[in-house]
Amino acid sequence: MAAYDVVVEIPKGSRNKYEVDHETGRVYLDRVLFTSFVYPTDYGFFEKTLADDGDPVDALLLLEFPTFPGVGVKVRPVGVFKMSDEAGIDEKVLVVPAKDPRWAHIQDIADVPEQTKAEIAHFFEHYKDLEPNKWVKAEGWGDAAEAERIVQAGQAAYVPGSH
């Protein structure tokens, strides 16, 4: 499986939702989550991709310790959390560091502990609960092959300057 570049926007354990301005490269605070929830993984995006929502393909990065906004990480996709929200389909590709031996045993979604998947699903099912007119519907997990297809489709759809 190929390695891809992910840029972290939000570190694990944060309530702050940061977003990278793709024109300037600066990281901005978009909002503080309305709920008391914190991100269960580092959260970011695959560089040079375009998802159906007009943003880069989203990435959930499993790590032992959080990184920081703006850091780049070489990753391997291992699965995808399928969900939709008030804006449409919003898939989250689950990744692990490509060169970290601590994650070598995680090759596919079946290798990810059930508790980890449950925490991620619970977060995304409820993190918008207190925001007016926002909702999320969880649609389950896909495997590493499906995750890689999503990233590759995002790469194929990307046009420089598209976001």
N, C-alpha and C. Protein backbone atom coordinates (compact mmCIF):
# COMPACT_ATOMS: atom_id res chain seq x y z
N MET A 1 0.84 -1.18 0.00
CA MET A 1 0.00 0.00 0.00
C MET A 1 0.89 1.24 0.00
N ALA A 2 0.47 2.24 -0.75
CA ALA A 2 1.24 3.46 -0.91
C ALA A 2 1.22 4.31 0.35
N ALA A 3 2.24 5.16 0.48
CA ALA A 3 2.26 6.16 1.55
C ALA A 3 1.81 7.50 0.98
N TYR A 4 1.07 8.24 1.79
CA TYR A 4 0.51 9.52 1.38
C TYR A 4 0.89 10.60 2.39
N ASP A 5 0.83 11.85 1.95
CA ASP A 5 1.10 12.98 2.83
C ASP A 5 -0.20 13.51 3.43
N VAL A 6 -0.24 13.58 4.76
CA VAL A 6 -1.36 14.17 5.48
C VAL A 6 -0.85 15.38 6.25
N VAL A 7 -1.64 16.43 6.26
CA VAL A 7 -1.35 17.61 7.08
C VAL A 7 -2.34 17.62 8.24
N VAL A 8 -1.80 17.70 9.45
CA VAL A 8 -2.64 17.73 10.65
C VAL A 8 -3.19 19.15 10.84
N GLU A 9 -4.49 19.23 11.08
CA GLU A 9 -5.12 20.50 11.43
C GLU A 9 -5.44 20.56 12.92
N ILE A 10 -5.89 19.42 13.47
CA ILE A 10 -6.37 19.40 14.86
C ILE A 10 -5.68 18.26 15.61
N PRO A 11 -5.00 18.57 16.70
CA PRO A 11 -4.36 17.49 17.46
C PRO A 11 -5.37 16.71 18.31
N LYS A 12 -5.06 15.47 18.52
CA LYS A 12 -5.84 14.62 19.43
C LYS A 12 -5.97 15.32 20.78
N GLY A 13 -7.18 15.28 21.35
CA GLY A 13 -7.41 15.86 22.66
C GLY A 13 -7.84 17.31 22.65
N SER A 14 -7.99 17.90 21.47
CA SER A 14 -8.37 19.31 21.37
C SER A 14 -9.87 19.49 21.18
N ARG A 15 -10.41 20.59 21.70
CA ARG A 15 -11.78 21.02 21.38
C ARG A 15 -11.74 22.11 20.31
N ASN A 16 -10.56 22.65 20.04
CA ASN A 16 -10.43 23.68 19.02
C ASN A 16 -10.45 23.05 17.64
N LYS A 17 -11.29 23.60 16.75
CA LYS A 17 -11.34 23.12 15.37
C LYS A 17 -10.57 24.12 14.52
N TYR A 18 -9.39 23.69 14.09
CA TYR A 18 -8.54 24.52 13.24
C TYR A 18 -8.75 24.12 11.79
N GLU A 19 -8.51 25.07 10.89
CA GLU A 19 -8.52 24.78 9.46
C GLU A 19 -7.36 25.50 8.81
N VAL A 20 -6.74 24.82 7.84
CA VAL A 20 -5.66 25.42 7.07
C VAL A 20 -6.26 26.21 5.93
N ASP A 21 -5.83 27.46 5.78
CA ASP A 21 -6.20 28.25 4.61
C ASP A 21 -5.29 27.78 3.47
N HIS A 22 -5.88 27.20 2.44
CA HIS A 22 -5.08 26.56 1.39
C HIS A 22 -4.39 27.58 0.48
N GLU A 23 -4.79 28.83 0.52
CA GLU A 23 -4.09 29.86 -0.26
C GLU A 23 -2.85 30.36 0.45
N THR A 24 -2.96 30.58 1.77
CA THR A 24 -1.85 31.16 2.52
C THR A 24 -1.02 30.13 3.27
N GLY A 25 -1.63 28.96 3.55
CA GLY A 25 -0.96 27.96 4.36
C GLY A 25 -1.07 28.22 5.85
N ARG A 26 -1.72 29.31 6.25
CA ARG A 26 -1.88 29.63 7.67
C ARG A 26 -2.96 28.76 8.29
N VAL A 27 -2.81 28.48 9.57
CA VAL A 27 -3.78 27.72 10.34
C VAL A 27 -4.65 28.70 11.12
N TYR A 28 -5.96 28.59 10.93
CA TYR A 28 -6.91 29.47 11.62
C TYR A 28 -7.79 28.66 12.56
N LEU A 29 -8.17 29.30 13.67
CA LEU A 29 -9.16 28.71 14.56
C LEU A 29 -10.52 28.93 13.92
N ASP A 30 -11.17 27.85 13.52
CA ASP A 30 -12.50 27.92 12.91
C ASP A 30 -13.56 28.11 13.99
N ARG A 31 -13.46 27.30 15.05
CA ARG A 31 -14.39 27.41 16.17
C ARG A 31 -13.92 26.47 17.28
N VAL A 32 -14.48 26.67 18.45
CA VAL A 32 -14.32 25.71 19.55
C VAL A 32 -15.59 24.86 19.53
N LEU A 33 -15.44 23.55 19.62
CA LEU A 33 -16.61 22.67 19.58
C LEU A 33 -17.63 23.10 20.63
N PHE A 34 -18.89 23.07 20.26
CA PHE A 34 -19.96 23.47 21.18
C PHE A 34 -20.14 22.44 22.29
N THR A 35 -19.80 21.19 22.02
CA THR A 35 -19.90 20.13 23.02
C THR A 35 -18.60 20.08 23.83
N SER A 36 -18.60 19.27 24.87
CA SER A 36 -17.41 19.11 25.69
C SER A 36 -16.47 18.03 25.14
N PHE A 37 -16.77 17.52 23.96
CA PHE A 37 -15.98 16.46 23.35
C PHE A 37 -14.62 16.98 22.89
N VAL A 38 -13.65 16.07 22.85
CA VAL A 38 -12.33 16.36 22.28
C VAL A 38 -12.06 15.37 21.15
N TYR A 39 -11.27 15.79 20.19
CA TYR A 39 -10.96 14.92 19.05
C TYR A 39 -10.24 13.66 19.53
N PRO A 40 -10.71 12.47 19.11
CA PRO A 40 -10.13 11.22 19.58
C PRO A 40 -8.84 10.82 18.84
N THR A 41 -8.54 11.49 17.75
CA THR A 41 -7.33 11.25 16.97
C THR A 41 -6.84 12.59 16.46
N ASP A 42 -5.63 12.64 15.95
CA ASP A 42 -5.24 13.81 15.17
C ASP A 42 -6.14 13.82 13.93
N TYR A 43 -6.50 15.01 13.48
CA TYR A 43 -7.43 15.17 12.37
C TYR A 43 -6.78 16.10 11.34
N GLY A 44 -6.85 15.71 10.09
CA GLY A 44 -6.26 16.55 9.06
C GLY A 44 -6.78 16.19 7.69
N PHE A 45 -5.93 16.37 6.69
CA PHE A 45 -6.34 16.13 5.31
C PHE A 45 -5.18 15.62 4.47
N PHE A 46 -5.54 14.93 3.41
CA PHE A 46 -4.56 14.46 2.43
C PHE A 46 -4.23 15.61 1.49
N GLU A 47 -2.95 15.90 1.34
CA GLU A 47 -2.53 16.97 0.44
C GLU A 47 -2.89 16.62 -1.00
N LYS A 48 -3.19 17.66 -1.76
CA LYS A 48 -3.46 17.55 -3.19
C LYS A 48 -4.56 16.54 -3.50
N THR A 49 -5.65 16.64 -2.73
CA THR A 49 -6.84 15.82 -2.98
C THR A 49 -8.06 16.73 -2.97
N LEU A 50 -9.14 16.24 -3.55
CA LEU A 50 -10.41 16.96 -3.54
C LEU A 50 -11.52 15.95 -3.32
N ALA A 51 -12.24 16.11 -2.21
CA ALA A 51 -13.37 15.23 -1.90
C ALA A 51 -14.65 15.80 -2.50
N ASP A 52 -15.72 15.04 -2.41
CA ASP A 52 -17.01 15.47 -2.95
C ASP A 52 -17.53 16.73 -2.29
N ASP A 53 -17.10 17.03 -1.05
CA ASP A 53 -17.59 18.22 -0.35
C ASP A 53 -16.83 19.48 -0.72
N GLY A 54 -15.87 19.38 -1.65
CA GLY A 54 -15.11 20.55 -2.08
C GLY A 54 -13.86 20.82 -1.27
N ASP A 55 -13.64 20.03 -0.23
CA ASP A 55 -12.45 20.13 0.61
C ASP A 55 -11.52 18.96 0.30
N PRO A 56 -10.30 19.01 0.81
CA PRO A 56 -9.43 17.84 0.67
C PRO A 56 -10.04 16.64 1.40
N VAL A 57 -9.57 15.44 1.05
CA VAL A 57 -10.02 14.22 1.71
C VAL A 57 -9.57 14.27 3.18
N ASP A 58 -10.52 14.01 4.09
CA ASP A 58 -10.25 14.06 5.53
C ASP A 58 -9.46 12.84 6.00
N ALA A 59 -8.61 13.06 7.01
CA ALA A 59 -7.80 11.98 7.58
C ALA A 59 -7.90 11.99 9.10
N LEU A 60 -8.03 10.80 9.67
CA LEU A 60 -7.96 10.57 11.12
C LEU A 60 -6.69 9.80 11.37
N LEU A 61 -5.75 10.39 12.07
CA LEU A 61 -4.42 9.82 12.26
C LEU A 61 -4.28 9.21 13.65
N LEU A 62 -4.08 7.89 13.68
CA LEU A 62 -3.83 7.19 14.94
C LEU A 62 -2.36 7.36 15.33
N LEU A 63 -2.13 7.91 16.49
CA LEU A 63 -0.79 8.13 17.05
C LEU A 63 -0.83 7.91 18.55
N GLU A 64 0.32 7.64 19.12
CA GLU A 64 0.39 7.55 20.57
C GLU A 64 0.24 8.91 21.23
N PHE A 65 0.84 9.94 20.64
CA PHE A 65 0.83 11.28 21.20
C PHE A 65 0.40 12.26 20.13
N PRO A 66 -0.32 13.33 20.51
CA PRO A 66 -0.77 14.30 19.52
C PRO A 66 0.40 15.05 18.89
N THR A 67 0.18 15.51 17.66
CA THR A 67 1.17 16.35 16.99
C THR A 67 0.72 17.80 17.16
N PHE A 68 0.74 18.60 16.10
CA PHE A 68 0.32 20.00 16.19
C PHE A 68 -0.16 20.46 14.82
N PRO A 69 -0.97 21.51 14.79
CA PRO A 69 -1.49 21.98 13.50
C PRO A 69 -0.38 22.36 12.53
N GLY A 70 -0.52 21.90 11.30
CA GLY A 70 0.43 22.23 10.25
C GLY A 70 1.50 21.20 10.00
N VAL A 71 1.65 20.21 10.87
CA VAL A 71 2.69 19.21 10.70
C VAL A 71 2.28 18.23 9.60
N GLY A 72 3.24 17.80 8.81
CA GLY A 72 3.01 16.80 7.77
C GLY A 72 3.45 15.43 8.26
N VAL A 73 2.70 14.40 7.87
CA VAL A 73 3.00 13.03 8.27
C VAL A 73 2.79 12.11 7.08
N LYS A 74 3.75 11.21 6.83
CA LYS A 74 3.58 10.16 5.82
C LYS A 74 2.74 9.06 6.45
N VAL A 75 1.66 8.67 5.77
CA VAL A 75 0.70 7.74 6.36
C VAL A 75 0.31 6.62 5.40
N ARG A 76 -0.31 5.59 5.99
CA ARG A 76 -0.95 4.48 5.25
C ARG A 76 -2.42 4.45 5.62
N PRO A 77 -3.33 4.39 4.64
CA PRO A 77 -4.75 4.21 4.98
C PRO A 77 -5.01 2.79 5.47
N VAL A 78 -5.83 2.68 6.53
CA VAL A 78 -6.18 1.35 7.06
C VAL A 78 -7.69 1.14 7.11
N GLY A 79 -8.47 2.17 6.85
CA GLY A 79 -9.92 2.05 6.87
C GLY A 79 -10.56 3.40 6.63
N VAL A 80 -11.88 3.40 6.65
CA VAL A 80 -12.61 4.66 6.46
C VAL A 80 -13.88 4.64 7.31
N PHE A 81 -14.10 5.76 8.02
CA PHE A 81 -15.34 5.95 8.75
C PHE A 81 -16.30 6.66 7.80
N LYS A 82 -17.39 5.97 7.49
CA LYS A 82 -18.35 6.52 6.54
C LYS A 82 -19.47 7.23 7.30
N MET A 83 -19.69 8.48 6.94
CA MET A 83 -20.72 9.27 7.59
C MET A 83 -21.24 10.32 6.62
N SER A 84 -22.35 10.91 6.99
CA SER A 84 -22.86 12.07 6.27
C SER A 84 -23.30 13.09 7.31
N ASP A 85 -23.38 14.34 6.87
CA ASP A 85 -23.86 15.39 7.76
C ASP A 85 -24.76 16.33 6.96
N GLU A 86 -25.10 17.46 7.55
CA GLU A 86 -26.03 18.38 6.90
C GLU A 86 -25.53 18.86 5.53
N ALA A 87 -24.25 18.71 5.25
CA ALA A 87 -23.69 19.15 3.97
C ALA A 87 -23.53 18.00 2.97
N GLY A 88 -23.78 16.74 3.39
CA GLY A 88 -23.65 15.61 2.48
C GLY A 88 -22.67 14.57 2.99
N ILE A 89 -22.15 13.75 2.08
CA ILE A 89 -21.20 12.69 2.43
C ILE A 89 -19.93 13.32 2.99
N ASP A 90 -19.40 12.73 4.07
CA ASP A 90 -18.22 13.29 4.74
C ASP A 90 -17.36 12.16 5.30
N GLU A 91 -16.73 11.40 4.42
CA GLU A 91 -15.92 10.24 4.83
C GLU A 91 -14.62 10.69 5.50
N LYS A 92 -14.19 9.89 6.47
CA LYS A 92 -12.96 10.15 7.21
C LYS A 92 -12.05 8.93 7.04
N VAL A 93 -10.93 9.11 6.36
CA VAL A 93 -10.00 8.00 6.13
C VAL A 93 -9.11 7.84 7.36
N LEU A 94 -9.12 6.63 7.92
CA LEU A 94 -8.32 6.31 9.09
C LEU A 94 -6.93 5.89 8.64
N VAL A 95 -5.90 6.52 9.21
CA VAL A 95 -4.52 6.28 8.78
C VAL A 95 -3.61 6.04 9.98
N VAL A 96 -2.47 5.42 9.68
CA VAL A 96 -1.41 5.25 10.67
C VAL A 96 -0.10 5.76 10.06
N PRO A 97 0.87 6.14 10.89
CA PRO A 97 2.15 6.58 10.35
C PRO A 97 2.80 5.47 9.52
N ALA A 98 3.26 5.81 8.33
CA ALA A 98 3.79 4.81 7.40
C ALA A 98 5.08 4.16 7.90
N LYS A 99 5.89 4.90 8.65
CA LYS A 99 7.22 4.40 9.01
C LYS A 99 7.37 4.08 10.49
N ASP A 100 6.27 4.05 11.24
CA ASP A 100 6.35 3.83 12.68
C ASP A 100 6.09 2.35 12.97
N PRO A 101 7.09 1.61 13.48
CA PRO A 101 6.90 0.18 13.71
C PRO A 101 5.83 -0.14 14.76
N ARG A 102 5.48 0.85 15.60
CA ARG A 102 4.42 0.62 16.59
C ARG A 102 3.06 0.42 15.95
N TRP A 103 2.92 0.79 14.69
CA TRP A 103 1.64 0.67 13.98
C TRP A 103 1.70 -0.34 12.85
N ALA A 104 2.80 -1.06 12.73
CA ALA A 104 2.97 -2.02 11.63
C ALA A 104 1.93 -3.14 11.66
N HIS A 105 1.42 -3.47 12.84
CA HIS A 105 0.44 -4.55 12.96
C HIS A 105 -0.96 -4.11 12.50
N ILE A 106 -1.17 -2.82 12.32
CA ILE A 106 -2.46 -2.30 11.85
C ILE A 106 -2.37 -2.17 10.33
N GLN A 107 -2.96 -3.12 9.64
CA GLN A 107 -2.94 -3.12 8.17
C GLN A 107 -4.31 -2.86 7.56
N ASP A 108 -5.36 -3.17 8.30
CA ASP A 108 -6.71 -3.03 7.80
C ASP A 108 -7.64 -2.70 8.96
N ILE A 109 -8.85 -2.33 8.66
CA ILE A 109 -9.79 -1.89 9.68
C ILE A 109 -10.05 -2.99 10.73
N ALA A 110 -9.98 -4.24 10.33
CA ALA A 110 -10.19 -5.34 11.28
C ALA A 110 -9.10 -5.40 12.35
N ASP A 111 -7.94 -4.79 12.08
CA ASP A 111 -6.83 -4.77 13.04
C ASP A 111 -6.97 -3.66 14.07
N VAL A 112 -7.86 -2.71 13.83
CA VAL A 112 -8.05 -1.57 14.74
C VAL A 112 -8.94 -2.04 15.90
N PRO A 113 -8.52 -1.81 17.14
CA PRO A 113 -9.34 -2.26 18.27
C PRO A 113 -10.78 -1.72 18.20
N GLU A 114 -11.72 -2.57 18.59
CA GLU A 114 -13.14 -2.18 18.57
C GLU A 114 -13.38 -0.94 19.42
N GLN A 115 -12.70 -0.83 20.55
CA GLN A 115 -12.87 0.35 21.41
C GLN A 115 -12.45 1.63 20.69
N THR A 116 -11.36 1.57 19.97
CA THR A 116 -10.90 2.74 19.21
C THR A 116 -11.94 3.15 18.18
N LYS A 117 -12.46 2.16 17.43
CA LYS A 117 -13.48 2.47 16.42
C LYS A 117 -14.75 3.02 17.08
N ALA A 118 -15.13 2.47 18.23
CA ALA A 118 -16.32 2.94 18.93
C ALA A 118 -16.15 4.39 19.41
N GLU A 119 -14.97 4.73 19.91
CA GLU A 119 -14.72 6.10 20.38
C GLU A 119 -14.77 7.09 19.22
N ILE A 120 -14.19 6.71 18.09
CA ILE A 120 -14.21 7.59 16.91
C ILE A 120 -15.66 7.78 16.44
N ALA A 121 -16.39 6.69 16.31
CA ALA A 121 -17.78 6.78 15.87
C ALA A 121 -18.61 7.62 16.83
N HIS A 122 -18.45 7.40 18.14
CA HIS A 122 -19.21 8.15 19.14
C HIS A 122 -18.91 9.64 19.03
N PHE A 123 -17.64 9.99 18.87
CA PHE A 123 -17.27 11.40 18.73
C PHE A 123 -18.01 12.03 17.55
N PHE A 124 -17.88 11.42 16.37
CA PHE A 124 -18.47 12.04 15.19
C PHE A 124 -19.99 11.99 15.19
N GLU A 125 -20.58 11.02 15.86
CA GLU A 125 -22.04 10.98 15.96
C GLU A 125 -22.59 12.09 16.84
N HIS A 126 -21.76 12.64 17.75
CA HIS A 126 -22.27 13.59 18.74
C HIS A 126 -21.56 14.93 18.82
N TYR A 127 -20.46 15.13 18.10
CA TYR A 127 -19.70 16.36 18.31
C TYR A 127 -20.42 17.61 17.84
N LYS A 128 -21.46 17.48 17.03
CA LYS A 128 -22.23 18.64 16.57
C LYS A 128 -23.57 18.77 17.30
N ASP A 129 -23.81 17.97 18.32
CA ASP A 129 -25.13 17.92 18.98
C ASP A 129 -25.64 19.28 19.44
N LEU A 130 -24.79 20.16 19.89
CA LEU A 130 -25.23 21.43 20.43
C LEU A 130 -25.18 22.58 19.42
N GLU A 131 -24.85 22.25 18.16
CA GLU A 131 -24.80 23.28 17.12
C GLU A 131 -26.14 23.32 16.37
N PRO A 132 -26.74 24.49 16.28
CA PRO A 132 -28.04 24.60 15.60
C PRO A 132 -27.98 24.13 14.14
N ASN A 133 -28.99 23.38 13.74
CA ASN A 133 -29.17 22.94 12.35
C ASN A 133 -28.04 22.05 11.82
N LYS A 134 -27.32 21.41 12.72
CA LYS A 134 -26.26 20.49 12.30
C LYS A 134 -26.56 19.10 12.82
N TRP A 135 -26.15 18.09 12.05
CA TRP A 135 -26.38 16.70 12.43
C TRP A 135 -25.36 15.81 11.73
N VAL A 136 -25.22 14.59 12.24
CA VAL A 136 -24.32 13.59 11.66
C VAL A 136 -25.02 12.25 11.69
N LYS A 137 -24.85 11.50 10.62
CA LYS A 137 -25.35 10.12 10.57
C LYS A 137 -24.17 9.20 10.27
N ALA A 138 -23.88 8.31 11.21
CA ALA A 138 -22.80 7.32 11.01
C ALA A 138 -23.30 6.22 10.09
N GLU A 139 -22.42 5.79 9.19
CA GLU A 139 -22.81 4.76 8.21
C GLU A 139 -21.86 3.57 8.23
N GLY A 140 -21.00 3.48 9.24
CA GLY A 140 -20.15 2.30 9.39
C GLY A 140 -18.72 2.50 8.92
N TRP A 141 -18.01 1.38 8.87
CA TRP A 141 -16.59 1.38 8.54
C TRP A 141 -16.34 0.65 7.23
N GLY A 142 -15.37 1.14 6.47
CA GLY A 142 -14.90 0.47 5.28
C GLY A 142 -13.46 0.04 5.48
N ASP A 143 -12.99 -0.87 4.64
CA ASP A 143 -11.65 -1.43 4.81
C ASP A 143 -10.56 -0.58 4.17
N ALA A 144 -9.32 -1.05 4.24
CA ALA A 144 -8.17 -0.32 3.72
C ALA A 144 -8.27 -0.11 2.22
N ALA A 145 -8.77 -1.10 1.50
CA ALA A 145 -8.89 -0.97 0.04
C ALA A 145 -9.86 0.16 -0.32
N GLU A 146 -10.98 0.22 0.39
CA GLU A 146 -11.95 1.30 0.15
C GLU A 146 -11.35 2.65 0.50
N ALA A 147 -10.61 2.70 1.60
CA ALA A 147 -9.97 3.95 2.01
C ALA A 147 -8.98 4.42 0.94
N GLU A 148 -8.19 3.49 0.43
CA GLU A 148 -7.21 3.87 -0.60
C GLU A 148 -7.91 4.34 -1.88
N ARG A 149 -9.02 3.71 -2.24
CA ARG A 149 -9.79 4.17 -3.42
C ARG A 149 -10.28 5.60 -3.22
N ILE A 150 -10.72 5.94 -2.00
CA ILE A 150 -11.19 7.30 -1.71
C ILE A 150 -10.05 8.30 -1.88
N VAL A 151 -8.87 7.97 -1.37
CA VAL A 151 -7.72 8.87 -1.49
C VAL A 151 -7.33 9.01 -2.96
N GLN A 152 -7.27 7.91 -3.68
CA GLN A 152 -6.90 7.98 -5.09
C GLN A 152 -7.92 8.76 -5.92
N ALA A 153 -9.20 8.60 -5.61
CA ALA A 153 -10.24 9.39 -6.29
C ALA A 153 -10.06 10.88 -5.98
N GLY A 154 -9.70 11.18 -4.74
CA GLY A 154 -9.44 12.57 -4.36
C GLY A 154 -8.25 13.15 -5.09
N GLN A 155 -7.21 12.34 -5.29
CA GLN A 155 -6.05 12.80 -6.05
C GLN A 155 -6.42 13.06 -7.50
N ALA A 156 -7.22 12.16 -8.08
CA ALA A 156 -7.63 12.31 -9.48
C ALA A 156 -8.51 13.55 -9.68
N ALA A 157 -9.32 13.89 -8.66
CA ALA A 157 -10.23 15.03 -8.76
C ALA A 157 -9.54 16.36 -8.50
N TYR A 158 -8.37 16.32 -7.88
CA TYR A 158 -7.69 17.55 -7.48
C TYR A 158 -7.22 18.36 -8.69
N VAL A 159 -7.50 19.65 -8.63
CA VAL A 159 -7.00 20.61 -9.60
C VAL A 159 -6.32 21.70 -8.78
N PRO A 160 -5.06 22.05 -9.08
CA PRO A 160 -4.41 23.10 -8.29
C PRO A 160 -5.29 24.34 -8.19
N GLY A 161 -5.40 24.85 -6.97
CA GLY A 161 -6.23 26.02 -6.71
C GLY A 161 -7.70 25.70 -6.50
N SER A 162 -8.04 24.40 -6.40
CA SER A 162 -9.45 24.02 -6.29
C SER A 162 -10.02 24.19 -4.89
N HIS A 163 -9.19 24.45 -3.90
CA HIS A 163 -9.72 24.76 -2.55
C HIS A 163 -8.78 25.66 -1.81
